[in-house]
């Protein structure tokens, strides 16, 4: 039985490693300063006009999360590093930033980042 499980584990790991290499868009750093979220995205694919960046901000308090901002916006996604600025008014506290990038009907990237806004 243990050989069967080992073979299954190796197969699952191979699939996960192969799928990880297929990502052409990666969200890097997300920072907040002077009322703006700054989002750094890297693309290894061909340039795309009118991709959609969906930004959702959730305030985290105790054991609750409350949505304080949600807005899609069109972006041009160039090859290499891209930096996007999203104006949003955040009060001091803890937040979770949900970022999703769509190209047509394809989801190219989807990440969750923690963010602390200092007083």
C-alpha atoms as a PDB file:
ATOM      1  CA  UNK A   1       0.000   0.000   0.000  1.00  0.00           C
ATOM      2  CA  UNK A   2       2.750   2.491   0.802  1.00  0.00           C
ATOM      3  CA  UNK A   3       4.171   2.227  -2.745  1.00  0.00           C
ATOM      4  CA  UNK A   4       0.762   3.139  -4.141  1.00  0.00           C
ATOM      5  CA  UNK A   5       0.572   6.229  -1.954  1.00  0.00           C
ATOM      6  CA  UNK A   6       4.135   7.187  -2.828  1.00  0.00           C
ATOM      7  CA  UNK A   7       3.384   6.874  -6.550  1.00  0.00           C
ATOM      8  CA  UNK A   8       0.232   8.972  -6.119  1.00  0.00           C
ATOM      9  CA  UNK A   9       2.147  11.614  -4.182  1.00  0.00           C
ATOM     10  CA  UNK A  10       4.838  11.802  -6.863  1.00  0.00           C
ATOM     11  CA  UNK A  11       2.168  12.155  -9.558  1.00  0.00           C
ATOM     12  CA  UNK A  12       0.393  14.953  -7.671  1.00  0.00           C
ATOM     13  CA  UNK A  13       3.673  16.798  -7.083  1.00  0.00           C
ATOM     14  CA  UNK A  14       4.599  16.512 -10.761  1.00  0.00           C
ATOM     15  CA  UNK A  15       1.230  17.962 -11.792  1.00  0.00           C
ATOM     16  CA  UNK A  16       1.549  20.840  -9.333  1.00  0.00           C
ATOM     17  CA  UNK A  17       5.089  21.668 -10.438  1.00  0.00           C
ATOM     18  CA  UNK A  18       4.040  21.564 -14.090  1.00  0.00           C
ATOM     19  CA  UNK A  19       1.040  23.804 -13.468  1.00  0.00           C
ATOM     20  CA  UNK A  20       3.135  26.330 -11.548  1.00  0.00           C
ATOM     21  CA  UNK A  21       5.338  26.887 -14.583  1.00  0.00           C
ATOM     22  CA  UNK A  22       2.335  27.796 -16.761  1.00  0.00           C
ATOM     23  CA  UNK A  23       1.634  31.083 -15.011  1.00  0.00           C
ATOM     24  CA  UNK A  24       2.431  34.021 -17.246  1.00  0.00           C
ATOM     25  CA  UNK A  25       1.275  36.768 -14.880  1.00  0.00           C
ATOM     26  CA  UNK A  26       2.514  37.206 -11.311  1.00  0.00           C
ATOM     27  CA  UNK A  27       1.441  39.745  -8.710  1.00  0.00           C
ATOM     28  CA  UNK A  28       4.441  40.917  -6.721  1.00  0.00           C
ATOM     29  CA  UNK A  29       4.450  43.674  -4.122  1.00  0.00           C
ATOM     30  CA  UNK A  30       1.382  45.559  -2.900  1.00  0.00           C
ATOM     31  CA  UNK A  31       1.996  48.718  -0.868  1.00  0.00           C
ATOM     32  CA  UNK A  32      -0.140  51.575   0.468  1.00  0.00           C
ATOM     33  CA  UNK A  33       0.975  55.181   0.761  1.00  0.00           C
ATOM     34  CA  UNK A  34      -0.766  58.564   0.683  1.00  0.00           C
ATOM     35  CA  UNK A  35      -4.182  57.132  -0.206  1.00  0.00           C
ATOM     36  CA  UNK A  36      -2.957  54.884  -3.022  1.00  0.00           C
ATOM     37  CA  UNK A  37      -2.483  51.142  -3.358  1.00  0.00           C
ATOM     38  CA  UNK A  38       0.534  50.428  -5.549  1.00  0.00           C
ATOM     39  CA  UNK A  39       0.384  47.018  -7.199  1.00  0.00           C
ATOM     40  CA  UNK A  40       3.363  45.508  -9.028  1.00  0.00           C
ATOM     41  CA  UNK A  41       2.584  42.846 -11.643  1.00  0.00           C
ATOM     42  CA  UNK A  42       4.986  40.906 -13.838  1.00  0.00           C
ATOM     43  CA  UNK A  43       3.947  39.438 -17.172  1.00  0.00           C
ATOM     44  CA  UNK A  44       6.012  37.056 -19.294  1.00  0.00           C
ATOM     45  CA  UNK A  45       3.366  36.855 -22.012  1.00  0.00           C
ATOM     46  CA  UNK A  46       2.658  39.094 -24.995  1.00  0.00           C
ATOM     47  CA  UNK A  47       1.323  42.596 -24.177  1.00  0.00           C
ATOM     48  CA  UNK A  48      -2.439  42.794 -23.608  1.00  0.00           C
ATOM     49  CA  UNK A  49      -4.713  45.827 -23.829  1.00  0.00           C
ATOM     50  CA  UNK A  50      -7.852  46.056 -21.706  1.00  0.00           C
ATOM     51  CA  UNK A  51      -7.085  43.294 -19.226  1.00  0.00           C
ATOM     52  CA  UNK A  52      -9.160  43.623 -16.049  1.00  0.00           C
ATOM     53  CA  UNK A  53      -7.653  44.113 -12.601  1.00  0.00           C
ATOM     54  CA  UNK A  54     -10.215  43.404  -9.880  1.00  0.00           C
ATOM     55  CA  UNK A  55      -9.218  44.878  -6.512  1.00  0.00           C
ATOM     56  CA  UNK A  56     -11.113  43.903  -3.368  1.00  0.00           C
ATOM     57  CA  UNK A  57     -10.074  45.242   0.045  1.00  0.00           C
ATOM     58  CA  UNK A  58     -11.313  43.597   3.224  1.00  0.00           C
ATOM     59  CA  UNK A  59     -10.795  45.198   6.663  1.00  0.00           C
ATOM     60  CA  UNK A  60      -9.810  42.593   9.243  1.00  0.00           C
ATOM     61  CA  UNK A  61     -11.017  43.185  12.799  1.00  0.00           C
ATOM     62  CA  UNK A  62     -10.958  40.475  15.466  1.00  0.00           C
ATOM     63  CA  UNK A  63     -12.434  37.429  13.672  1.00  0.00           C
ATOM     64  CA  UNK A  64     -14.360  39.371  11.005  1.00  0.00           C
ATOM     65  CA  UNK A  65     -13.620  40.630   7.525  1.00  0.00           C
ATOM     66  CA  UNK A  66     -15.669  43.442   6.014  1.00  0.00           C
ATOM     67  CA  UNK A  67     -15.432  44.605   2.425  1.00  0.00           C
ATOM     68  CA  UNK A  68     -14.421  48.272   2.263  1.00  0.00           C
ATOM     69  CA  UNK A  69     -13.541  48.551  -1.430  1.00  0.00           C
ATOM     70  CA  UNK A  70     -14.202  46.568  -4.600  1.00  0.00           C
ATOM     71  CA  UNK A  71     -13.638  47.822  -8.097  1.00  0.00           C
ATOM     72  CA  UNK A  72     -12.564  46.390 -11.449  1.00  0.00           C
ATOM     73  CA  UNK A  73     -10.481  48.533 -13.778  1.00  0.00           C
ATOM     74  CA  UNK A  74      -9.045  48.119 -17.226  1.00  0.00           C
ATOM     75  CA  UNK A  75      -5.266  47.882 -17.458  1.00  0.00           C
ATOM     76  CA  UNK A  76      -2.715  47.467 -20.205  1.00  0.00           C
ATOM     77  CA  UNK A  77      -0.515  44.515 -19.303  1.00  0.00           C
ATOM     78  CA  UNK A  78       2.928  44.891 -20.857  1.00  0.00           C
ATOM     79  CA  UNK A  79       5.708  42.311 -20.872  1.00  0.00           C
ATOM     80  CA  UNK A  80       7.935  42.727 -17.803  1.00  0.00           C
ATOM     81  CA  UNK A  81       7.107  44.697 -14.665  1.00  0.00           C
ATOM     82  CA  UNK A  82       3.944  46.802 -14.553  1.00  0.00           C
ATOM     83  CA  UNK A  83       2.982  49.131 -11.704  1.00  0.00           C
ATOM     84  CA  UNK A  84      -0.645  50.166 -11.160  1.00  0.00           C
ATOM     85  CA  UNK A  85      -1.897  52.792  -8.730  1.00  0.00           C
ATOM     86  CA  UNK A  86      -5.380  52.465  -7.246  1.00  0.00           C
ATOM     87  CA  UNK A  87      -6.691  55.373  -5.164  1.00  0.00           C
ATOM     88  CA  UNK A  88      -8.479  54.096  -2.064  1.00  0.00           C
ATOM     89  CA  UNK A  89      -8.955  55.676   1.361  1.00  0.00           C
ATOM     90  CA  UNK A  90      -7.920  53.211   4.080  1.00  0.00           C
ATOM     91  CA  UNK A  91      -7.955  53.909   7.798  1.00  0.00           C
ATOM     92  CA  UNK A  92      -5.156  52.537  10.001  1.00  0.00           C
ATOM     93  CA  UNK A  93      -5.563  48.807  10.595  1.00  0.00           C
ATOM     94  CA  UNK A  94      -5.203  45.346   9.077  1.00  0.00           C
ATOM     95  CA  UNK A  95      -6.472  44.487   5.604  1.00  0.00           C
ATOM     96  CA  UNK A  96      -6.559  41.622   3.139  1.00  0.00           C
ATOM     97  CA  UNK A  97      -6.145  42.638  -0.492  1.00  0.00           C
ATOM     98  CA  UNK A  98      -7.698  40.276  -3.064  1.00  0.00           C
ATOM     99  CA  UNK A  99      -6.317  40.821  -6.568  1.00  0.00           C
ATOM    100  CA  UNK A 100      -7.476  39.062  -9.718  1.00  0.00           C
ATOM    101  CA  UNK A 101      -6.330  39.735 -13.284  1.00  0.00           C
ATOM    102  CA  UNK A 102      -8.499  38.620 -16.204  1.00  0.00           C
ATOM    103  CA  UNK A 103      -7.568  38.562 -19.877  1.00  0.00           C
ATOM    104  CA  UNK A 104     -10.759  37.922 -21.798  1.00  0.00           C
ATOM    105  CA  UNK A 105     -12.453  35.028 -19.992  1.00  0.00           C
ATOM    106  CA  UNK A 106      -9.154  33.688 -18.624  1.00  0.00           C
ATOM    107  CA  UNK A 107      -8.043  34.341 -15.054  1.00  0.00           C
ATOM    108  CA  UNK A 108      -4.319  35.051 -15.342  1.00  0.00           C
ATOM    109  CA  UNK A 109      -3.548  35.695 -11.669  1.00  0.00           C
ATOM    110  CA  UNK A 110      -5.358  35.613  -8.360  1.00  0.00           C
ATOM    111  CA  UNK A 111      -3.689  36.377  -5.020  1.00  0.00           C
ATOM    112  CA  UNK A 112      -4.434  37.512  -1.498  1.00  0.00           C
ATOM    113  CA  UNK A 113      -2.016  39.876   0.239  1.00  0.00           C
ATOM    114  CA  UNK A 114      -1.965  41.066   3.845  1.00  0.00           C
ATOM    115  CA  UNK A 115      -1.588  44.806   4.364  1.00  0.00           C
ATOM    116  CA  UNK A 116      -1.029  46.864   7.513  1.00  0.00           C
ATOM    117  CA  UNK A 117      -1.860  50.566   7.343  1.00  0.00           C
ATOM    118  CA  UNK A 118      -0.005  52.501  10.039  1.00  0.00           C
ATOM    119  CA  UNK A 119      -1.584  55.463  11.849  1.00  0.00           C
END
